């Protein structure tokens, strides 16, 4: 497979995103044994009309309750058990706070592929602090080690940022004091993301297609990091006591309040992404997690929604 051209910061013209089942060489190793669902998420992927209507209804009700408008939320739901997707404002780029730290994690393994099988315990723990606890010091350590340009080159070459399609995941600043700042070409943000590309990131992670099956599994273990407790906010707060495993990356800065997660439990297995820009965003995120979990349980047909 030929490697597509990689964007540099001197050029904002990106290669077309052909299909998100075809990535860059080394960015995806196709292994059907690692694939939980036969699903490709790209710009032509069909929305499930029924799921879309229900997600839009949930979003509208929660926004009304919190005094939010359609400008304040962007949401995506990917049901991995039933291969269906629903998205609200999927390609509207947002300032993403700490969520793009997942891009640093990806670049770490893309640029050091041997780390997938030879990762020392201290580095594993530090990556866990960055990914699960959102530690800025650790994020800055790794972004300085790799370099901002190199990190974004990986994201671009893997199709996670496409200027012609609204943008995507962008890491243009260290998560600490730094004069180095490279704004994304679409929104001018130092850290940015879109719902579609975040859903896609987690889908590829679950399919074992980020860098390699071994790297994907190591990244999943880093998101789990059982020795590091979850921050009891946003999705985790809403899903407390619901018998689910959550692998997630949240982000908060002023009124930009976000959560993104892979959620597994009895009769459900899905990816939920929500980006908000409102003082009551955390309330919205907690309530959204409950409402979506009920929705996916009901879709399974064998369990009743939890109260």
Protein backbone atom coordinates (compact mmCIF):
# COMPACT_ATOMS: atom_id res chain seq x y z
CA UNK A 1 0.00 0.00 0.00
CA UNK A 2 1.36 3.39 -0.92
CA UNK A 3 1.69 5.96 1.84
CA UNK A 4 -0.30 9.12 1.03
CA UNK A 5 1.44 12.47 1.19
CA UNK A 6 1.81 13.91 4.67
CA UNK A 7 0.83 17.49 5.36
CA UNK A 8 3.44 19.80 6.84
CA UNK A 9 2.59 22.98 8.66
CA UNK A 10 3.83 24.97 5.70
CA UNK A 11 0.93 23.67 3.64
CA UNK A 12 -2.68 23.45 4.68
CA UNK A 13 -3.74 21.35 1.70
CA UNK A 14 -4.54 17.82 2.85
CA UNK A 15 -4.93 14.66 0.78
CA UNK A 16 -8.53 13.56 0.24
CA UNK A 17 -9.91 11.13 2.78
CA UNK A 18 -10.81 8.30 0.46
CA UNK A 19 -12.41 5.96 2.95
CA UNK A 20 -11.78 5.51 6.59
CA UNK A 21 -11.24 1.82 6.06
CA UNK A 22 -8.05 2.74 4.19
CA UNK A 23 -5.56 4.51 6.37
CA UNK A 24 -1.89 5.27 5.97
CA UNK A 25 0.63 2.48 5.85
CA UNK A 26 1.56 1.71 9.43
CA UNK A 27 -1.48 3.58 10.73
CA UNK A 28 -3.77 0.63 10.23
CA UNK A 29 -3.08 -3.03 10.14
CA UNK A 30 -6.21 -4.81 8.98
CA UNK A 31 -6.84 -7.91 11.05
CA UNK A 32 -10.39 -9.30 10.86
CA UNK A 33 -9.80 -11.29 14.04
CA UNK A 34 -9.46 -8.03 15.97
CA UNK A 35 -12.52 -6.38 14.44
CA UNK A 36 -15.58 -6.27 16.74
CA UNK A 37 -17.86 -5.03 13.98
CA UNK A 38 -17.77 -4.97 10.20
CA UNK A 39 -18.14 -1.22 10.02
CA UNK A 40 -16.41 1.61 8.21
CA UNK A 41 -16.98 5.20 9.29
CA UNK A 42 -16.32 7.77 6.59
CA UNK A 43 -18.03 10.79 5.07
CA UNK A 44 -20.37 8.57 3.05
CA UNK A 45 -21.42 6.33 5.93
CA UNK A 46 -25.20 6.19 6.12
CA UNK A 47 -26.90 7.49 9.24
CA UNK A 48 -29.41 5.12 10.86
CA UNK A 49 -32.64 7.12 10.56
CA UNK A 50 -34.33 5.69 13.63
CA UNK A 51 -31.29 6.08 15.86
CA UNK A 52 -30.73 9.59 14.51
CA UNK A 53 -34.27 10.66 15.36
CA UNK A 54 -33.96 9.31 18.88
CA UNK A 55 -30.58 10.93 19.47
CA UNK A 56 -31.86 14.26 18.18
CA UNK A 57 -34.87 13.98 20.50
CA UNK A 58 -32.62 13.27 23.50
CA UNK A 59 -30.34 16.18 22.60
CA UNK A 60 -33.27 18.59 22.18
CA UNK A 61 -34.82 17.61 25.51
CA UNK A 62 -31.55 17.92 27.42
CA UNK A 63 -30.69 21.25 25.80
CA UNK A 64 -34.10 22.61 26.70
CA UNK A 65 -33.60 21.51 30.29
CA UNK A 66 -30.18 23.18 30.52
CA UNK A 67 -30.97 26.34 28.53
CA UNK A 68 -28.70 25.35 25.63
CA UNK A 69 -29.11 25.82 21.87
CA UNK A 70 -27.97 23.79 18.89
CA UNK A 71 -24.78 25.89 18.87
CA UNK A 72 -23.82 24.48 22.25
CA UNK A 73 -23.72 20.73 21.53
CA UNK A 74 -22.32 18.26 19.01
CA UNK A 75 -22.94 14.55 19.58
CA UNK A 76 -22.14 11.19 18.04
CA UNK A 77 -23.31 7.67 18.86
CA UNK A 78 -21.85 4.55 17.25
CA UNK A 79 -23.64 1.33 18.23
CA UNK A 80 -20.99 -1.34 17.76
CA UNK A 81 -23.33 -4.28 18.38
CA UNK A 82 -25.71 -3.26 15.64
CA UNK A 83 -23.41 -1.35 13.26
CA UNK A 84 -25.40 1.87 13.22
CA UNK A 85 -24.46 5.48 13.71
CA UNK A 86 -26.15 8.79 14.54
CA UNK A 87 -24.44 12.19 14.62
CA UNK A 88 -25.39 15.79 15.34
CA UNK A 89 -23.02 18.43 13.89
CA UNK A 90 -20.43 15.71 13.14
CA UNK A 91 -18.01 17.93 11.20
CA UNK A 92 -18.29 21.19 13.11
CA UNK A 93 -14.86 21.78 14.56
CA UNK A 94 -14.73 22.70 18.23
CA UNK A 95 -12.09 23.81 20.67
CA UNK A 96 -11.50 20.44 22.31
CA UNK A 97 -9.53 21.21 25.50
CA UNK A 98 -7.79 17.99 26.62
CA UNK A 99 -9.57 15.57 24.30
CA UNK A 100 -6.83 15.80 21.59
CA UNK A 101 -4.37 14.24 24.00
CA UNK A 102 -5.50 11.04 22.30
CA UNK A 103 -3.55 12.32 19.30
CA UNK A 104 -0.37 12.43 21.38
CA UNK A 105 -1.02 8.84 22.44
CA UNK A 106 -1.50 7.73 18.84
CA UNK A 107 1.64 9.52 17.67
CA UNK A 108 3.69 7.99 20.48
CA UNK A 109 2.99 4.49 19.16
CA UNK A 110 3.06 5.43 15.49
CA UNK A 111 6.51 7.00 15.80
CA UNK A 112 7.82 4.33 18.19
CA UNK A 113 6.11 1.13 17.03
CA UNK A 114 8.39 -1.06 19.15
CA UNK A 115 6.72 0.44 22.24
CA UNK A 116 3.62 -1.66 21.56
CA UNK A 117 5.48 -4.72 22.87
CA UNK A 118 8.32 -3.13 24.83
CA UNK A 119 6.78 -0.43 27.02
CA UNK A 120 8.37 0.04 30.42
CA UNK A 121 6.03 0.29 33.43
CA UNK A 122 6.88 3.92 34.22
CA UNK A 123 6.13 5.14 30.67
CA UNK A 124 2.93 3.08 30.61
CA UNK A 125 1.83 4.72 33.85
CA UNK A 126 2.72 8.20 32.63
CA UNK A 127 0.74 7.65 29.42
CA UNK A 128 -2.14 6.47 31.60
CA UNK A 129 -1.97 9.68 33.62
CA UNK A 130 -2.17 11.64 30.37
CA UNK A 131 -4.99 9.62 28.80
CA UNK A 132 -7.15 8.69 31.79
CA UNK A 133 -6.42 11.40 34.37
CA UNK A 134 -5.79 14.10 31.72
CA UNK A 135 -2.52 15.12 33.35
CA UNK A 136 -1.14 18.19 31.59
CA UNK A 137 2.42 17.66 32.80
CA UNK A 138 2.57 14.20 31.24
CA UNK A 139 0.91 15.40 28.04
CA UNK A 140 3.51 18.14 27.70
CA UNK A 141 6.34 15.72 28.42
CA UNK A 142 5.30 13.50 25.52
CA UNK A 143 4.33 16.29 23.11
CA UNK A 144 7.75 17.93 23.60
CA UNK A 145 9.46 14.57 23.18
CA UNK A 146 7.63 13.87 19.90
CA UNK A 147 7.24 17.44 18.61
CA UNK A 148 4.00 19.16 17.68
CA UNK A 149 4.66 18.99 13.95
CA UNK A 150 5.35 15.26 14.10
CA UNK A 151 2.20 14.61 16.14
CA UNK A 152 0.03 16.49 13.68
CA UNK A 153 1.72 14.83 10.73
CA UNK A 154 0.63 11.48 12.16
CA UNK A 155 -2.95 12.70 12.65
CA UNK A 156 -3.05 14.16 9.15
CA UNK A 157 -1.56 11.11 7.45
CA UNK A 158 -4.07 8.88 9.21
CA UNK A 159 -6.94 11.05 8.00
CA UNK A 160 -7.87 12.47 11.39
CA UNK A 161 -7.67 16.05 10.11
CA UNK A 162 -8.99 17.15 6.72
CA UNK A 163 -9.30 20.86 6.10
CA UNK A 164 -11.70 20.32 3.20
CA UNK A 165 -14.08 18.34 5.42
CA UNK A 166 -14.30 20.68 8.40
CA UNK A 167 -11.10 19.75 10.19
CA UNK A 168 -10.75 17.03 12.81
CA UNK A 169 -8.31 16.23 15.61
CA UNK A 170 -5.62 18.87 16.04
CA UNK A 171 -2.72 19.22 18.49
CA UNK A 172 -1.12 22.61 17.95
CA UNK A 173 0.11 23.53 21.43
CA UNK A 174 1.74 21.86 24.40
CA UNK A 175 -0.46 21.43 27.47
CA UNK A 176 1.68 23.75 29.53
CA UNK A 177 3.42 27.09 29.27
CA UNK A 178 4.77 27.46 25.76
CA UNK A 179 5.15 30.10 23.10
CA UNK A 180 4.82 27.44 20.41
CA UNK A 181 1.30 27.52 18.97
CA UNK A 182 0.14 26.31 15.57
CA UNK A 183 -3.59 27.00 15.03
CA UNK A 184 -5.69 24.60 13.03
CA UNK A 185 -6.48 25.92 9.53
CA UNK A 186 -10.27 25.63 9.88
CA UNK A 187 -11.10 26.97 13.34
CA UNK A 188 -7.87 28.58 14.46
CA UNK A 189 -7.83 26.44 17.60
CA UNK A 190 -4.73 25.24 19.41
CA UNK A 191 -6.52 21.99 20.27
CA UNK A 192 -9.49 20.88 18.22
CA UNK A 193 -11.72 17.96 17.30
CA UNK A 194 -14.86 16.96 15.44
CA UNK A 195 -17.39 14.36 16.48
CA UNK A 196 -16.88 12.23 13.37
CA UNK A 197 -13.13 11.94 13.80
CA UNK A 198 -13.42 11.15 17.50
CA UNK A 199 -15.91 8.37 16.79
CA UNK A 200 -13.57 7.09 14.12
CA UNK A 201 -10.56 7.13 16.47
CA UNK A 202 -12.33 4.88 18.97
CA UNK A 203 -13.76 2.63 16.27
CA UNK A 204 -10.29 1.99 14.86
CA UNK A 205 -8.96 1.47 18.36
CA UNK A 206 -11.56 -1.24 19.00
CA UNK A 207 -10.91 -2.79 15.60
CA UNK A 208 -7.18 -3.02 16.30
CA UNK A 209 -6.40 -0.68 13.41
CA UNK A 210 -4.50 2.13 15.13
CA UNK A 211 -0.85 1.53 14.19
CA UNK A 212 -1.16 -2.26 14.70
CA UNK A 213 -3.27 -4.75 16.64
CA UNK A 214 -0.58 -4.86 19.34
CA UNK A 215 -0.40 -1.07 19.62
CA UNK A 216 -4.19 -0.80 19.72
CA UNK A 217 -4.35 -3.33 22.55
CA UNK A 218 -1.63 -1.49 24.47
CA UNK A 219 -3.49 1.81 24.01
CA UNK A 220 -6.69 0.21 25.30
CA UNK A 221 -4.78 -1.00 28.35
CA UNK A 222 -3.48 2.53 28.87
CA UNK A 223 -7.02 3.92 28.76
CA UNK A 224 -8.03 1.27 31.32
CA UNK A 225 -5.08 1.89 33.72
CA UNK A 226 -6.89 0.34 36.70
CA UNK A 227 -4.44 1.87 39.15
CA UNK A 228 -5.63 5.34 38.10
CA UNK A 229 -9.18 6.20 39.23
CA UNK A 230 -11.71 7.72 36.88
CA UNK A 231 -12.57 11.36 37.42
CA UNK A 232 -16.17 11.12 38.63
CA UNK A 233 -17.56 13.69 36.23
CA UNK A 234 -19.45 13.85 32.94
CA UNK A 235 -20.18 10.40 31.43
CA UNK A 236 -18.66 8.53 34.36
CA UNK A 237 -20.90 10.37 36.81
CA UNK A 238 -23.99 9.63 34.75
CA UNK A 239 -23.17 5.95 34.27
CA UNK A 240 -22.25 5.25 37.91
CA UNK A 241 -23.78 1.98 39.08
CA UNK A 242 -24.81 0.86 35.58
CA UNK A 243 -22.44 -2.10 35.31
CA UNK A 244 -20.38 -0.78 32.41
CA UNK A 245 -16.71 -0.55 31.51
CA UNK A 246 -15.72 2.92 30.29
CA UNK A 247 -12.60 3.80 28.34
CA UNK A 248 -12.68 7.54 27.91
CA UNK A 249 -10.97 10.86 27.36
CA UNK A 250 -12.66 13.93 28.74
CA UNK A 251 -11.74 17.59 28.42
CA UNK A 252 -12.55 20.82 30.24
CA UNK A 253 -11.49 24.41 29.73
CA UNK A 254 -13.72 27.25 30.86
CA UNK A 255 -17.10 26.49 29.24
CA UNK A 256 -15.74 23.94 26.75
CA UNK A 257 -16.79 20.71 28.46
CA UNK A 258 -16.48 17.40 26.63
CA UNK A 259 -16.48 13.65 27.04
CA UNK A 260 -15.71 10.78 24.68
CA UNK A 261 -15.88 7.08 25.52
CA UNK A 262 -16.14 3.44 24.57
CA UNK A 263 -18.85 1.93 26.77
CA UNK A 264 -19.41 -1.81 27.28
CA UNK A 265 -22.01 -3.51 29.42
CA UNK A 266 -24.67 -6.23 29.34
CA UNK A 267 -26.28 -6.11 25.90
CA UNK A 268 -24.59 -2.87 24.86
CA UNK A 269 -21.32 -1.88 23.28
CA UNK A 270 -21.08 1.61 21.86
CA UNK A 271 -19.04 4.76 21.41
CA UNK A 272 -20.43 8.05 22.67
CA UNK A 273 -18.90 11.45 21.90
CA UNK A 274 -20.24 14.82 23.01
CA UNK A 275 -18.66 18.27 22.73
CA UNK A 276 -20.32 21.15 24.56
CA UNK A 277 -19.66 24.86 24.96
CA UNK A 278 -21.87 26.04 27.79
CA UNK A 279 -21.59 26.53 31.58
CA UNK A 280 -24.00 23.62 32.12
CA UNK A 281 -22.15 21.32 29.77
CA UNK A 282 -21.20 18.86 32.51
CA UNK A 283 -24.85 18.46 33.52
CA UNK A 284 -25.76 17.85 29.90
CA UNK A 285 -23.00 15.23 29.53
CA UNK A 286 -24.06 13.29 32.64
CA UNK A 287 -27.70 13.27 31.60
CA UNK A 288 -26.83 12.40 28.01
CA UNK A 289 -24.90 9.33 29.15
CA UNK A 290 -27.92 8.05 31.07
CA UNK A 291 -30.37 8.72 28.25
CA UNK A 292 -28.16 7.13 25.59
CA UNK A 293 -27.42 4.11 27.76
CA UNK A 294 -31.16 3.58 28.21
CA UNK A 295 -31.66 3.97 24.47
CA UNK A 296 -29.03 1.38 23.59
CA UNK A 297 -30.33 -1.06 26.22
CA UNK A 298 -33.85 -0.74 24.83
CA UNK A 299 -32.51 -1.42 21.35
CA UNK A 300 -31.08 -4.71 22.60
CA UNK A 301 -34.53 -6.01 23.32
CA UNK A 302 -33.50 -8.19 26.26
CA UNK A 303 -32.96 -5.72 29.08
CA UNK A 304 -35.16 -3.04 30.53
CA UNK A 305 -33.90 0.53 30.95
CA UNK A 306 -32.44 1.23 34.32
CA UNK A 307 -34.15 3.91 36.40
